[in-house]
PDB file of N, CA and C in Angstrom:
ATOM      1  N   MET A   1      10.514 -45.111 -21.457  1.00  0.00           N
ATOM      2  CA  MET A   1      11.641 -44.198 -21.588  1.00  0.00           C
ATOM      3  C   MET A   1      12.290 -44.006 -20.217  1.00  0.00           C
ATOM      4  N   ASN A   2      13.593 -43.902 -20.205  1.00  0.00           N
ATOM      5  CA  ASN A   2      14.317 -43.716 -18.959  1.00  0.00           C
ATOM      6  C   ASN A   2      14.713 -42.257 -18.777  1.00  0.00           C
ATOM      7  N   ALA A   3      14.771 -41.842 -17.534  1.00  0.00           N
ATOM      8  CA  ALA A   3      15.258 -40.516 -17.177  1.00  0.00           C
ATOM      9  C   ALA A   3      16.256 -40.715 -16.050  1.00  0.00           C
ATOM     10  N   PHE A   4      16.937 -39.662 -15.700  1.00  0.00           N
ATOM     11  CA  PHE A   4      17.940 -39.752 -14.650  1.00  0.00           C
ATOM     12  C   PHE A   4      17.718 -38.653 -13.615  1.00  0.00           C
ATOM     13  N   ILE A   5      18.077 -38.971 -12.392  1.00  0.00           N
ATOM     14  CA  ILE A   5      18.060 -38.008 -11.306  1.00  0.00           C
ATOM     15  C   ILE A   5      19.497 -37.843 -10.844  1.00  0.00           C
ATOM     16  N   ALA A   6      19.979 -36.610 -10.875  1.00  0.00           N
ATOM     17  CA  ALA A   6      21.302 -36.304 -10.329  1.00  0.00           C
ATOM     18  C   ALA A   6      21.106 -35.998  -8.852  1.00  0.00           C
ATOM     19  N   VAL A   7      21.864 -36.668  -8.005  1.00  0.00           N
ATOM     20  CA  VAL A   7      21.745 -36.512  -6.556  1.00  0.00           C
ATOM     21  C   VAL A   7      23.083 -36.008  -6.023  1.00  0.00           C
ATOM     22  N   VAL A   8      23.033 -34.930  -5.257  1.00  0.00           N
ATOM     23  CA  VAL A   8      24.224 -34.403  -4.601  1.00  0.00           C
ATOM     24  C   VAL A   8      23.992 -34.479  -3.101  1.00  0.00           C
ATOM     25  N   LEU A   9      24.850 -35.214  -2.416  1.00  0.00           N
ATOM     26  CA  LEU A   9      24.774 -35.370  -0.971  1.00  0.00           C
ATOM     27  C   LEU A   9      25.890 -34.558  -0.331  1.00  0.00           C
ATOM     28  N   VAL A  10      25.558 -33.751   0.650  1.00  0.00           N
ATOM     29  CA  VAL A  10      26.567 -33.050   1.445  1.00  0.00           C
ATOM     30  C   VAL A  10      26.753 -33.893   2.701  1.00  0.00           C
ATOM     31  N   CYS A  11      27.965 -34.424   2.876  1.00  0.00           N
ATOM     32  CA  CYS A  11      28.242 -35.383   3.946  1.00  0.00           C
ATOM     33  C   CYS A  11      29.261 -34.806   4.932  1.00  0.00           C
ATOM     34  N   ALA A  12      29.070 -35.077   6.204  1.00  0.00           N
ATOM     35  CA  ALA A  12      30.017 -34.645   7.230  1.00  0.00           C
ATOM     36  C   ALA A  12      31.327 -35.395   7.050  1.00  0.00           C
ATOM     37  N   ASN A  13      32.447 -34.726   7.275  1.00  0.00           N
ATOM     38  CA  ASN A  13      33.760 -35.346   7.106  1.00  0.00           C
ATOM     39  C   ASN A  13      33.917 -36.635   7.899  1.00  0.00           C
ATOM     40  N   GLY A  14      33.288 -36.735   9.048  1.00  0.00           N
ATOM     41  CA  GLY A  14      33.410 -37.920   9.885  1.00  0.00           C
ATOM     42  C   GLY A  14      32.606 -39.112   9.401  1.00  0.00           C
ATOM     43  N   LEU A  15      31.813 -38.944   8.357  1.00  0.00           N
ATOM     44  CA  LEU A  15      30.958 -40.003   7.829  1.00  0.00           C
ATOM     45  C   LEU A  15      31.654 -40.671   6.647  1.00  0.00           C
ATOM     46  N   ALA A  16      31.830 -41.985   6.714  1.00  0.00           N
ATOM     47  CA  ALA A  16      32.467 -42.715   5.617  1.00  0.00           C
ATOM     48  C   ALA A  16      31.650 -42.563   4.341  1.00  0.00           C
ATOM     49  N   GLN A  17      32.322 -42.568   3.210  1.00  0.00           N
ATOM     50  CA  GLN A  17      31.653 -42.371   1.931  1.00  0.00           C
ATOM     51  C   GLN A  17      30.536 -43.383   1.706  1.00  0.00           C
ATOM     52  N   GLU A  18      30.776 -44.648   2.016  1.00  0.00           N
ATOM     53  CA  GLU A  18      29.747 -45.663   1.790  1.00  0.00           C
ATOM     54  C   GLU A  18      28.569 -45.518   2.756  1.00  0.00           C
ATOM     55  N   ALA A  19      28.778 -44.825   3.860  1.00  0.00           N
ATOM     56  CA  ALA A  19      27.705 -44.622   4.836  1.00  0.00           C
ATOM     57  C   ALA A  19      26.879 -43.367   4.542  1.00  0.00           C
ATOM     58  N   CYS A  20      27.353 -42.537   3.652  1.00  0.00           N
ATOM     59  CA  CYS A  20      26.632 -41.298   3.333  1.00  0.00           C
ATOM     60  C   CYS A  20      25.513 -41.611   2.347  1.00  0.00           C
ATOM     61  N   THR A  21      24.292 -41.613   2.855  1.00  0.00           N
ATOM     62  CA  THR A  21      23.103 -41.900   2.054  1.00  0.00           C
ATOM     63  C   THR A  21      22.129 -40.732   2.190  1.00  0.00           C
ATOM     64  N   ASP A  22      21.017 -40.825   1.516  1.00  0.00           N
ATOM     65  CA  ASP A  22      19.995 -39.776   1.600  1.00  0.00           C
ATOM     66  C   ASP A  22      19.581 -39.505   3.055  1.00  0.00           C
ATOM     67  N   THR A  23      19.542 -40.534   3.858  1.00  0.00           N
ATOM     68  CA  THR A  23      19.073 -40.371   5.237  1.00  0.00           C
ATOM     69  C   THR A  23      20.155 -39.854   6.182  1.00  0.00           C
ATOM     70  N   ASP A  24      21.430 -40.082   5.854  1.00  0.00           N
ATOM     71  CA  ASP A  24      22.515 -39.677   6.747  1.00  0.00           C
ATOM     72  C   ASP A  24      23.235 -38.406   6.321  1.00  0.00           C
ATOM     73  N   ALA A  25      22.983 -37.917   5.130  1.00  0.00           N
ATOM     74  CA  ALA A  25      23.648 -36.713   4.632  1.00  0.00           C
ATOM     75  C   ALA A  25      23.134 -35.473   5.363  1.00  0.00           C
ATOM     76  N   LEU A  26      23.976 -34.458   5.424  1.00  0.00           N
ATOM     77  CA  LEU A  26      23.575 -33.183   6.021  1.00  0.00           C
ATOM     78  C   LEU A  26      22.528 -32.492   5.148  1.00  0.00           C
ATOM     79  N   GLU A  27      22.670 -32.677   3.850  1.00  0.00           N
ATOM     80  CA  GLU A  27      21.751 -32.056   2.894  1.00  0.00           C
ATOM     81  C   GLU A  27      21.717 -32.910   1.633  1.00  0.00           C
ATOM     82  N   VAL A  28      20.560 -32.970   1.002  1.00  0.00           N
ATOM     83  CA  VAL A  28      20.391 -33.735  -0.232  1.00  0.00           C
ATOM     84  C   VAL A  28      19.735 -32.828  -1.262  1.00  0.00           C
ATOM     85  N   ARG A  29      20.338 -32.765  -2.439  1.00  0.00           N
ATOM     86  CA  ARG A  29      19.760 -32.005  -3.552  1.00  0.00           C
ATOM     87  C   ARG A  29      19.570 -32.960  -4.712  1.00  0.00           C
ATOM     88  N   LYS A  30      18.401 -32.890  -5.351  1.00  0.00           N
ATOM     89  CA  LYS A  30      18.101 -33.759  -6.486  1.00  0.00           C
ATOM     90  C   LYS A  30      17.556 -32.920  -7.627  1.00  0.00           C
ATOM     91  N   VAL A  31      17.953 -33.298  -8.832  1.00  0.00           N
ATOM     92  CA  VAL A  31      17.442 -32.615 -10.015  1.00  0.00           C
ATOM     93  C   VAL A  31      17.339 -33.625 -11.157  1.00  0.00           C
ATOM     94  N   ARG A  32      16.254 -33.542 -11.901  1.00  0.00           N
ATOM     95  CA  ARG A  32      16.063 -34.431 -13.057  1.00  0.00           C
ATOM     96  C   ARG A  32      16.949 -33.916 -14.197  1.00  0.00           C
ATOM     97  N   VAL A  33      17.646 -34.856 -14.841  1.00  0.00           N
ATOM     98  CA  VAL A  33      18.510 -34.514 -15.965  1.00  0.00           C
ATOM     99  C   VAL A  33      18.164 -35.407 -17.150  1.00  0.00           C
ATOM    100  N   ALA A  34      18.566 -34.991 -18.331  1.00  0.00           N
ATOM    101  CA  ALA A  34      18.196 -35.707 -19.550  1.00  0.00           C
ATOM    102  C   ALA A  34      18.988 -36.987 -19.771  1.00  0.00           C
ATOM    103  N   ASN A  35      20.237 -37.019 -19.278  1.00  0.00           N
ATOM    104  CA  ASN A  35      21.078 -38.177 -19.530  1.00  0.00           C
ATOM    105  C   ASN A  35      22.136 -38.292 -18.428  1.00  0.00           C
ATOM    106  N   GLU A  36      22.950 -39.351 -18.522  1.00  0.00           N
ATOM    107  CA  GLU A  36      23.967 -39.577 -17.499  1.00  0.00           C
ATOM    108  C   GLU A  36      25.012 -38.465 -17.453  1.00  0.00           C
ATOM    109  N   LEU A  37      25.303 -37.865 -18.569  1.00  0.00           N
ATOM    110  CA  LEU A  37      26.250 -36.753 -18.593  1.00  0.00           C
ATOM    111  C   LEU A  37      25.746 -35.596 -17.734  1.00  0.00           C
ATOM    112  N   GLY A  38      24.446 -35.394 -17.700  1.00  0.00           N
ATOM    113  CA  GLY A  38      23.853 -34.341 -16.882  1.00  0.00           C
ATOM    114  C   GLY A  38      24.086 -34.548 -15.401  1.00  0.00           C
ATOM    115  N   CYS A  39      24.328 -35.779 -15.001  1.00  0.00           N
ATOM    116  CA  CYS A  39      24.610 -36.067 -13.590  1.00  0.00           C
ATOM    117  C   CYS A  39      25.978 -35.557 -13.174  1.00  0.00           C
ATOM    118  N   ALA A  40      26.867 -35.406 -14.122  1.00  0.00           N
ATOM    119  CA  ALA A  40      28.247 -35.016 -13.816  1.00  0.00           C
ATOM    120  C   ALA A  40      28.489 -33.517 -13.915  1.00  0.00           C
ATOM    121  N   THR A  41      27.515 -32.776 -14.381  1.00  0.00           N
ATOM    122  CA  THR A  41      27.712 -31.339 -14.561  1.00  0.00           C
ATOM    123  C   THR A  41      26.612 -30.557 -13.853  1.00  0.00           C
ATOM    124  N   GLY A  42      26.913 -29.339 -13.493  1.00  0.00           N
ATOM    125  CA  GLY A  42      25.918 -28.447 -12.909  1.00  0.00           C
ATOM    126  C   GLY A  42      25.787 -28.505 -11.406  1.00  0.00           C
ATOM    127  N   TRP A  43      26.288 -29.558 -10.745  1.00  0.00           N
ATOM    128  CA  TRP A  43      26.105 -29.667  -9.300  1.00  0.00           C
ATOM    129  C   TRP A  43      26.915 -28.630  -8.541  1.00  0.00           C
ATOM    130  N   GLN A  44      28.018 -28.172  -9.131  1.00  0.00           N
ATOM    131  CA  GLN A  44      28.815 -27.149  -8.464  1.00  0.00           C
ATOM    132  C   GLN A  44      27.997 -25.875  -8.253  1.00  0.00           C
ATOM    133  N   GLU A  45      27.229 -25.519  -9.252  1.00  0.00           N
ATOM    134  CA  GLU A  45      26.384 -24.328  -9.158  1.00  0.00           C
ATOM    135  C   GLU A  45      25.271 -24.517  -8.138  1.00  0.00           C
ATOM    136  N   ILE A  46      24.709 -25.720  -8.084  1.00  0.00           N
ATOM    137  CA  ILE A  46      23.645 -26.010  -7.116  1.00  0.00           C
ATOM    138  C   ILE A  46      24.161 -25.817  -5.694  1.00  0.00           C
ATOM    139  N   ILE A  47      25.320 -26.383  -5.387  1.00  0.00           N
ATOM    140  CA  ILE A  47      25.893 -26.291  -4.044  1.00  0.00           C
ATOM    141  C   ILE A  47      26.365 -24.876  -3.743  1.00  0.00           C
ATOM    142  N   ALA A  48      26.881 -24.179  -4.735  1.00  0.00           N
ATOM    143  CA  ALA A  48      27.356 -22.809  -4.527  1.00  0.00           C
ATOM    144  C   ALA A  48      26.237 -21.882  -4.063  1.00  0.00           C
ATOM    145  N   ARG A  49      25.008 -22.238  -4.339  1.00  0.00           N
ATOM    146  CA  ARG A  49      23.866 -21.408  -3.947  1.00  0.00           C
ATOM    147  C   ARG A  49      23.306 -21.760  -2.571  1.00  0.00           C
ATOM    148  N   THR A  50      23.860 -22.774  -1.921  1.00  0.00           N
ATOM    149  CA  THR A  50      23.334 -23.200  -0.623  1.00  0.00           C
ATOM    150  C   THR A  50      24.113 -22.564   0.525  1.00  0.00           C
ATOM    151  N   GLU A  51      23.549 -22.649   1.706  1.00  0.00           N
ATOM    152  CA  GLU A  51      24.205 -22.126   2.900  1.00  0.00           C
ATOM    153  C   GLU A  51      25.412 -22.965   3.299  1.00  0.00           C
ATOM    154  N   ARG A  52      25.480 -24.192   2.842  1.00  0.00           N
ATOM    155  CA  ARG A  52      26.578 -25.101   3.214  1.00  0.00           C
ATOM    156  C   ARG A  52      27.810 -24.952   2.328  1.00  0.00           C
ATOM    157  N   ARG A  53      27.808 -24.045   1.381  1.00  0.00           N
ATOM    158  CA  ARG A  53      28.922 -23.919   0.438  1.00  0.00           C
ATOM    159  C   ARG A  53      30.266 -23.712   1.130  1.00  0.00           C
ATOM    160  N   ASP A  54      30.283 -23.003   2.250  1.00  0.00           N
ATOM    161  CA  ASP A  54      31.537 -22.747   2.959  1.00  0.00           C
ATOM    162  C   ASP A  54      32.033 -23.954   3.740  1.00  0.00           C
ATOM    163  N   GLU A  55      31.157 -24.905   3.999  1.00  0.00           N
ATOM    164  CA  GLU A  55      31.541 -26.109   4.737  1.00  0.00           C
ATOM    165  C   GLU A  55      32.253 -27.133   3.855  1.00  0.00           C
ATOM    166  N   VAL A  56      31.929 -27.135   2.558  1.00  0.00           N
ATOM    167  CA  VAL A  56      32.493 -28.122   1.643  1.00  0.00           C
ATOM    168  C   VAL A  56      34.006 -27.935   1.560  1.00  0.00           C
ATOM    169  N   GLY A  57      34.702 -29.017   1.828  1.00  0.00           N
ATOM    170  CA  GLY A  57      36.158 -28.986   1.822  1.00  0.00           C
ATOM    171  C   GLY A  57      36.758 -28.713   3.187  1.00  0.00           C
ATOM    172  N   ARG A  58      35.955 -28.245   4.118  1.00  0.00           N
ATOM    173  CA  ARG A  58      36.446 -27.974   5.469  1.00  0.00           C
ATOM    174  C   ARG A  58      35.843 -28.947   6.471  1.00  0.00           C
ATOM    175  N   THR A  59      34.535 -28.957   6.592  1.00  0.00           N
ATOM    176  CA  THR A  59      33.864 -29.860   7.542  1.00  0.00           C
ATOM    177  C   THR A  59      32.958 -30.869   6.848  1.00  0.00           C
ATOM    178  N   ALA A  60      32.851 -30.749   5.535  1.00  0.00           N
ATOM    179  CA  ALA A  60      31.961 -31.630   4.780  1.00  0.00           C
ATOM    180  C   ALA A  60      32.551 -31.906   3.399  1.00  0.00           C
ATOM    181  N   TYR A  61      32.033 -32.963   2.770  1.00  0.00           N
ATOM    182  CA  TYR A  61      32.425 -33.298   1.403  1.00  0.00           C
ATOM    183  C   TYR A  61      31.171 -33.596   0.590  1.00  0.00           C
ATOM    184  N   LEU A  62      31.334 -33.645  -0.716  1.00  0.00           N
ATOM    185  CA  LEU A  62      30.207 -33.924  -1.601  1.00  0.00           C
ATOM    186  C   LEU A  62      30.301 -35.325  -2.159  1.00  0.00           C
ATOM    187  N   LYS A  63      29.156 -35.935  -2.299  1.00  0.00           N
ATOM    188  CA  LYS A  63      29.054 -37.239  -2.949  1.00  0.00           C
ATOM    189  C   LYS A  63      27.961 -37.102  -4.005  1.00  0.00           C
ATOM    190  N   THR A  64      28.253 -37.484  -5.225  1.00  0.00           N
ATOM    191  CA  THR A  64      27.266 -37.379  -6.296  1.00  0.00           C
ATOM    192  C   THR A  64      26.866 -38.764  -6.772  1.00  0.00           C
ATOM    193  N   GLU A  65      25.622 -38.889  -7.149  1.00  0.00           N
ATOM    194  CA  GLU A  65      25.086 -40.143  -7.664  1.00  0.00           C
ATOM    195  C   GLU A  65      24.191 -39.852  -8.857  1.00  0.00           C
ATOM    196  N   CYS A  66      24.111 -40.808  -9.746  1.00  0.00           N
ATOM    197  CA  CYS A  66      23.208 -40.713 -10.892  1.00  0.00           C
ATOM    198  C   CYS A  66      22.249 -41.891 -10.795  1.00  0.00           C
ATOM    199  N   ARG A  67      20.983 -41.601 -10.676  1.00  0.00           N
ATOM    200  CA  ARG A  67      19.987 -42.661 -10.510  1.00  0.00           C
ATOM    201  C   ARG A  67      19.042 -42.694 -11.707  1.00  0.00           C
ATOM    202  N   ARG A  68      18.865 -43.879 -12.244  1.00  0.00           N
ATOM    203  CA  ARG A  68      17.942 -44.065 -13.369  1.00  0.00           C
ATOM    204  C   ARG A  68      16.539 -44.243 -12.812  1.00  0.00           C
ATOM    205  N   VAL A  69      15.591 -43.544 -13.382  1.00  0.00           N
ATOM    206  CA  VAL A  69      14.192 -43.703 -12.984  1.00  0.00           C
ATOM    207  C   VAL A  69      13.382 -44.041 -14.226  1.00  0.00           C
ATOM    208  N   LYS A  70      12.474 -44.953 -14.056  1.00  0.00           N
ATOM    209  CA  LYS A  70      11.617 -45.377 -15.168  1.00  0.00           C
ATOM    210  C   LYS A  70      10.404 -44.463 -15.201  1.00  0.00           C
ATOM    211  N   GLU A  71      10.160 -43.872 -16.346  1.00  0.00           N
ATOM    212  CA  GLU A  71       9.005 -42.998 -16.478  1.00  0.00           C
ATOM    213  C   GLU A  71       7.814 -43.805 -16.961  1.00  0.00           C
ATOM    214  N   PRO A  72       6.623 -43.475 -16.467  1.00  0.00           N
ATOM    215  CA  PRO A  72       5.423 -44.181 -16.919  1.00  0.00           C
ATOM    216  C   PRO A  72       5.190 -43.946 -18.417  1.00  0.00           C
ATOM    217  N   GLN A  73       4.676 -44.980 -19.072  1.00  0.00           N
ATOM    218  CA  GLN A  73       4.443 -44.854 -20.528  1.00  0.00           C
ATOM    219  C   GLN A  73       3.002 -44.638 -20.834  1.00  0.00           C
TER     220      GLN A  73
END
């Protein structure tokens, strides 16, 4: 069975989108979701609860990813 991980990266404005990865992001948030649709919703609330919420849109931007993970059977 497959599951998905929704990943939200907070990236500095000076960092190109393709260069913003888990290791280069200012902050990384991950949450397991039931399906791909879950990757596209709910991240706004996650970021709104962080200390970096005021930086988004001014000194930082968000990058979201949906990663498929194989669960052991």
